Protein backbone atom coordinates (compact mmCIF):
# COMPACT_ATOMS: atom_id res chain seq x y z
CA MET A 1 55.52 2.20 -33.94
CA GLN A 2 52.95 5.07 -34.23
CA TRP A 3 50.63 6.43 -31.59
CA HIS A 4 47.54 8.68 -32.34
CA CYS A 5 46.14 10.07 -28.76
CA ILE A 6 42.66 11.38 -28.38
CA MET A 7 41.63 13.29 -24.99
CA ASN A 8 38.09 12.86 -23.97
CA PRO A 9 37.51 15.94 -21.32
CA CYS A 10 34.19 13.93 -20.06
CA ASN A 11 35.68 10.52 -18.85
CA ALA A 12 39.03 11.84 -18.59
CA PHE A 13 41.14 8.98 -20.00
CA VAL A 14 43.13 8.74 -23.08
CA ILE A 15 42.10 6.28 -25.86
CA CYS A 16 45.19 5.43 -27.82
CA GLN A 17 45.06 3.93 -31.34
CA CYS A 18 48.10 1.89 -32.19
CA ASN A 19 49.87 -0.38 -34.58
CA LEU A 20 49.48 -3.40 -31.80
CA GLN A 21 48.54 -7.08 -32.54
CA LYS A 22 45.01 -7.97 -32.20
CA LYS A 23 45.45 -9.90 -29.03
CA ALA A 24 46.96 -6.90 -27.45
CA MET A 25 44.16 -4.51 -29.41
CA LYS A 26 41.28 -6.56 -27.76
CA VAL A 27 42.97 -6.19 -23.96
CA LEU A 28 43.15 -2.81 -24.36
CA VAL A 29 39.55 -2.31 -25.70
CA THR A 30 38.09 -4.63 -22.91
CA ALA A 31 39.94 -2.72 -20.17
CA LEU A 32 38.93 0.94 -21.52
CA VAL A 33 34.90 -0.52 -21.68
CA ILE A 34 35.52 -1.62 -18.29
CA ILE A 35 36.53 1.73 -17.01
CA THR A 36 33.83 3.57 -18.82
CA LEU A 37 31.30 1.61 -17.22
CA SER A 38 32.37 1.77 -13.72
CA SER A 39 32.93 5.80 -14.15
CA SER A 40 29.25 6.13 -15.59
CA CYS A 41 27.81 4.03 -12.72
CA ASN A 42 29.49 5.82 -10.04
CA SER A 43 28.38 9.05 -11.46
CA ASN A 44 25.06 7.84 -11.65
CA ASP A 45 24.86 6.61 -7.90
CA ASN A 46 26.33 10.07 -6.81
CA ALA A 47 23.61 11.82 -8.76
CA ALA A 48 20.85 9.49 -7.02
CA LYS A 49 22.10 10.47 -3.69
CA ALA A 50 22.20 14.09 -4.38
CA LEU A 51 18.51 14.11 -5.50
CA SER A 52 17.61 11.98 -2.42
CA ASN A 53 19.33 13.99 0.06
CA SER A 54 18.29 17.54 -1.37
CA GLY A 55 14.70 17.31 -0.73
CA THR A 56 12.32 19.92 -2.49
CA ASP A 57 12.45 23.37 -3.16
CA LYS A 58 9.81 24.14 -0.45
CA PRO A 59 10.96 23.54 3.06
CA SER A 60 8.84 21.06 4.97
CA THR A 61 8.75 20.64 8.53
CA HIS A 62 7.57 16.99 8.01
CA GLU A 63 9.41 13.79 7.44
CA SER A 64 7.52 12.68 4.76
CA VAL A 65 4.32 13.56 2.38
CA ARG A 66 1.12 12.46 3.40
CA GLU A 67 -0.78 10.21 0.67
CA ASN A 68 -2.90 7.90 2.86
CA VAL A 69 -6.38 8.55 4.27
CA LEU A 70 -7.96 7.20 7.45
CA THR A 71 -9.21 3.52 7.14
CA SER A 72 -12.06 1.57 8.43
CA ALA A 73 -10.09 0.06 10.90
CA GLU A 74 -8.25 3.44 11.96
CA GLN A 75 -11.70 5.02 12.49
CA LYS A 76 -12.73 2.31 14.78
CA THR A 77 -9.52 2.78 17.22
CA LEU A 78 -10.34 6.50 17.57
CA THR A 79 -12.06 7.81 20.70
CA PRO A 80 -13.93 11.29 20.75
CA VAL A 81 -11.44 12.57 23.37
CA GLY A 82 -8.30 11.56 21.22
CA VAL A 83 -9.89 13.16 18.06
CA MET A 84 -10.60 16.21 20.04
CA LYS A 85 -6.57 16.44 21.11
CA ASP A 86 -5.86 15.63 17.43
CA LEU A 87 -7.50 18.58 16.22
CA GLU A 88 -5.87 20.56 19.08
CA GLU A 89 -2.56 19.66 17.99
CA GLY A 90 -3.34 20.38 14.21
CA ASN A 91 -4.42 23.68 15.01
CA LYS A 92 -0.95 24.45 16.52
CA HIS A 93 0.49 23.10 13.17
CA TYR A 94 -1.57 26.07 11.42
CA THR A 95 -1.03 28.78 14.07
CA GLN A 96 2.96 28.07 13.76
CA ASN A 97 2.49 27.81 9.75
CA HIS A 98 3.65 24.08 9.87
CA LEU A 99 1.08 22.41 7.82
CA THR A 100 1.54 18.98 6.95
CA GLU A 101 2.63 18.66 3.25
CA ASN A 102 0.04 16.49 1.72
CA ASP A 103 -0.21 14.36 -1.65
CA TYR A 104 -3.91 15.27 -2.55
CA MET A 105 -3.79 13.18 -5.67
CA GLY A 106 -2.55 10.24 -3.81
CA MET A 107 -5.13 10.93 -1.05
CA LEU A 108 -7.96 11.20 -3.82
CA HIS A 109 -7.16 7.89 -4.86
CA SER A 110 -6.67 6.10 -1.56
CA SER A 111 -10.08 7.57 -0.63
CA ALA A 112 -12.05 6.44 -3.95
CA GLN A 113 -13.46 3.65 -2.59
CA GLY A 114 -14.96 5.08 0.74
CA GLN A 115 -14.36 7.60 3.62
CA TYR A 116 -14.09 7.29 7.10
CA PRO A 117 -13.65 10.82 8.99
CA ALA A 118 -12.83 11.59 12.19
CA ALA A 119 -15.03 14.50 13.16
CA PHE A 120 -18.06 16.64 11.67
CA ILE A 121 -17.11 20.25 11.87
CA LEU A 122 -20.08 22.96 11.61
CA SER A 123 -18.70 26.18 10.38
CA CYS A 124 -19.83 29.65 9.18
CA ILE A 125 -19.51 30.48 5.64
CA ASP A 126 -16.91 32.90 6.38
CA SER A 127 -14.44 32.43 3.50
CA ARG A 128 -11.56 33.34 6.35
CA VAL A 129 -12.07 30.24 8.17
CA PRO A 130 -10.61 27.34 5.80
CA VAL A 131 -11.86 24.73 8.28
CA GLU A 132 -9.27 21.86 6.83
CA GLU A 133 -6.10 23.77 7.06
CA VAL A 134 -7.37 25.40 10.46
CA PHE A 135 -7.05 21.69 11.77
CA ASP A 136 -4.19 20.72 9.62
CA LYS A 137 -6.37 18.26 7.96
CA GLY A 138 -6.56 16.79 4.39
CA ILE A 139 -8.81 14.38 2.07
CA GLY A 140 -10.97 11.82 4.29
CA ASP A 141 -10.47 13.32 7.70
CA LEU A 142 -13.41 15.71 8.17
CA PHE A 143 -17.21 16.08 7.42
CA VAL A 144 -17.36 19.96 7.37
CA GLY A 145 -20.81 21.71 7.19
CA ARG A 146 -21.25 25.55 6.50
CA ILE A 147 -24.33 27.62 7.34
CA ALA A 148 -23.92 31.58 8.32
CA GLY A 149 -24.16 31.78 12.09
CA ASN A 150 -23.17 28.10 12.49
CA PHE A 151 -26.54 27.15 13.86
CA VAL A 152 -28.75 23.90 13.10
CA ASP A 153 -31.60 23.22 11.00
CA GLU A 154 -33.26 20.19 9.76
CA ASP A 155 -30.77 19.71 7.04
CA ILE A 156 -27.49 20.23 9.09
CA LEU A 157 -28.96 17.67 11.68
CA GLY A 158 -29.69 15.16 9.11
CA SER A 159 -25.99 15.68 7.87
CA MET A 160 -24.50 15.24 11.19
CA GLU A 161 -26.61 12.09 12.26
CA TYR A 162 -25.06 10.54 8.66
CA GLY A 163 -21.74 11.56 9.27
CA CYS A 164 -21.71 9.88 12.97
CA LYS A 165 -24.15 7.36 13.24
CA ILE A 166 -23.64 6.19 9.44
CA SER A 167 -20.33 7.07 8.65
CA GLY A 168 -18.74 6.74 12.38
CA ALA A 169 -17.12 10.14 12.96
CA LYS A 170 -16.32 10.63 16.76
CA LEU A 171 -16.80 14.37 17.40
CA ILE A 172 -19.08 17.22 16.53
CA VAL A 173 -17.27 20.74 16.39
CA VAL A 174 -19.56 23.75 16.26
CA LEU A 175 -17.03 26.55 15.24
CA GLY A 176 -17.80 29.94 15.47
CA HIS A 177 -15.50 32.88 14.76
CA GLU A 178 -14.51 36.25 15.62
CA SER A 179 -16.78 39.30 14.13
CA CYS A 180 -19.13 37.01 12.85
CA GLY A 181 -21.16 39.05 9.78
CA ALA A 182 -24.21 36.79 10.81
CA ILE A 183 -24.00 37.59 14.35
CA LYS A 184 -23.82 41.38 13.94
CA ALA A 185 -26.71 41.17 11.48
CA ALA A 186 -28.81 39.64 14.41
CA ILE A 187 -27.72 42.09 16.70
CA GLU A 188 -28.72 44.96 14.33
CA HIS A 189 -32.03 43.12 13.72
CA GLU A 190 -31.53 43.00 9.91
CA ARG A 191 -34.39 42.19 7.62
CA LEU A 192 -34.28 40.81 3.98
CA GLY A 193 -35.50 38.20 1.97
CA ASN A 194 -34.50 34.58 3.62
CA ILE A 195 -32.08 36.25 5.51
CA THR A 196 -34.82 37.31 8.20
CA ALA A 197 -35.69 33.94 8.89
CA MET A 198 -32.12 32.58 9.14
CA LEU A 199 -31.39 35.08 11.80
CA ALA A 200 -34.27 34.19 13.78
CA LYS A 201 -32.40 31.29 14.52
CA ILE A 202 -29.59 33.28 16.10
CA LYS A 203 -31.95 35.10 18.78
CA PRO A 204 -31.46 32.51 21.66
CA ALA A 205 -27.87 33.80 21.63
CA LEU A 206 -29.12 37.47 21.83
CA GLU A 207 -31.36 36.53 24.74
CA MET A 208 -28.37 34.79 26.41
CA SER A 209 -26.38 37.90 26.25
CA LYS A 210 -28.55 40.09 27.76
CA ASP A 211 -26.73 40.21 30.96
CA PHE A 212 -23.67 41.56 29.20
CA ALA A 213 -22.65 44.80 30.87
CA GLY A 214 -21.79 47.33 28.33
CA GLU A 215 -22.74 48.74 25.05
CA LYS A 216 -24.44 45.98 23.09
CA THR A 217 -23.88 47.43 19.54
CA VAL A 218 -21.63 45.86 16.61
CA GLU A 219 -19.13 48.27 17.32
CA ASN A 220 -18.38 46.95 20.50
CA HIS A 221 -16.06 43.73 19.83
CA ALA A 222 -16.80 42.34 23.42
CA PHE A 223 -20.48 42.34 22.97
CA VAL A 224 -20.12 40.52 19.40
CA GLU A 225 -17.41 38.13 20.87
CA ARG A 226 -20.21 37.31 23.76
CA VAL A 227 -22.93 36.70 21.44
CA VAL A 228 -20.72 34.57 19.07
CA LYS A 229 -19.83 32.24 21.78
CA ASP A 230 -23.26 32.28 23.20
CA ASN A 231 -24.42 31.15 19.99
CA ILE A 232 -21.79 28.61 19.67
CA ILE A 233 -22.93 26.99 23.16
CA ASN A 234 -26.64 27.59 22.29
CA THR A 235 -25.98 25.38 19.00
CA VAL A 236 -24.05 22.71 20.93
CA HIS A 237 -26.97 22.25 23.79
CA THR A 238 -29.59 22.08 20.69
CA ILE A 239 -27.91 19.41 18.93
CA PRO A 240 -28.97 16.59 21.22
CA LEU A 241 -32.25 18.21 21.96
CA LYS A 242 -33.38 18.05 18.33
CA SER A 243 -31.52 14.60 17.09
CA SER A 244 -32.69 11.42 19.41
CA VAL A 245 -30.17 9.83 17.14
CA LEU A 246 -27.01 11.91 18.31
CA LYS A 247 -28.35 12.10 22.03
CA GLU A 248 -28.45 8.52 21.96
CA MET A 249 -24.63 8.40 20.68
CA LEU A 250 -23.74 11.18 23.04
CA ASP A 251 -25.26 9.15 26.08
CA LYS A 252 -23.44 6.18 25.07
CA GLY A 253 -20.27 7.84 24.97
CA GLU A 254 -19.83 7.40 21.36
CA ILE A 255 -19.53 10.77 20.42
CA LYS A 256 -18.62 14.40 21.93
CA ILE A 257 -20.37 17.65 20.80
CA VAL A 258 -18.05 20.47 21.56
CA GLY A 259 -18.04 24.06 20.63
CA ALA A 260 -14.79 26.23 19.65
CA TYR A 261 -14.37 30.01 19.00
CA TYR A 262 -11.59 30.87 15.80
CA SER A 263 -9.51 33.93 16.13
CA PHE A 264 -8.50 35.79 13.07
CA GLU A 265 -5.96 37.63 14.59
CA THR A 266 -4.26 34.78 15.69
CA GLY A 267 -5.64 31.68 13.72
CA GLN A 268 -5.99 29.81 17.28
CA VAL A 269 -9.31 27.83 18.15
CA SER A 270 -10.36 27.72 21.68
CA PHE A 271 -12.88 24.99 22.74
CA LEU A 272 -15.47 26.72 24.75
CA ASP A 273 -17.98 23.87 25.84
CA GLU A 274 -18.07 19.94 25.89
CA LYS A 275 -21.06 17.63 25.96
């Protein structure tokens, strides 16, 4: 009897070809096929487990990637106070650099048939205030309006009315920020094109800050901060005065209107005033 042996290094088994009877050869081949398939299955199972346990290259502080957005049913269960607390918690994530990992394409597809945001954020145009990230929110969570100096005019008020009365947002946040350029321009009484008329909307905050004890210049950080915060408060109080729609919702407790101040140094949002 002659044996010819071939070693396969991948599957670690020996295929032996010999001058055997046909029946014995079939038994041997069948056994080898079973062994090979079993080895392959075990290898695939181990690979799948390793992939599942490895996660992604980017470390995540959350258990899963978010791909869903707020639904109409979920929005209806929200309260103004609950939404505000959620924004505060989201800001903590931001300041700790622990933002939720979002599947933006998944969220885009989920929101394609409708949107049900929880809040309307009125922010300055400043590029250093990334509103959604500041509150750890994604697609479908927030309405965001931007205007230099975060004051309200007819168009902003109309947008707020749409966001709250038509689309169901529960909270309006007037978000001002540290070292605001529009506020500094108002302090210095800048006059240039349409900027002149725009800055006139901030003049009430200058009146509110008249009792500030100290140098009333843009070089005085404390004074600029005071005017920024007075401007936020003035805007919060102005919204229901100039919008009967939002005032009615406010009086019924359907919405809240709050002011907030954003720090460039820490990324923290401090809520100032609420109605």
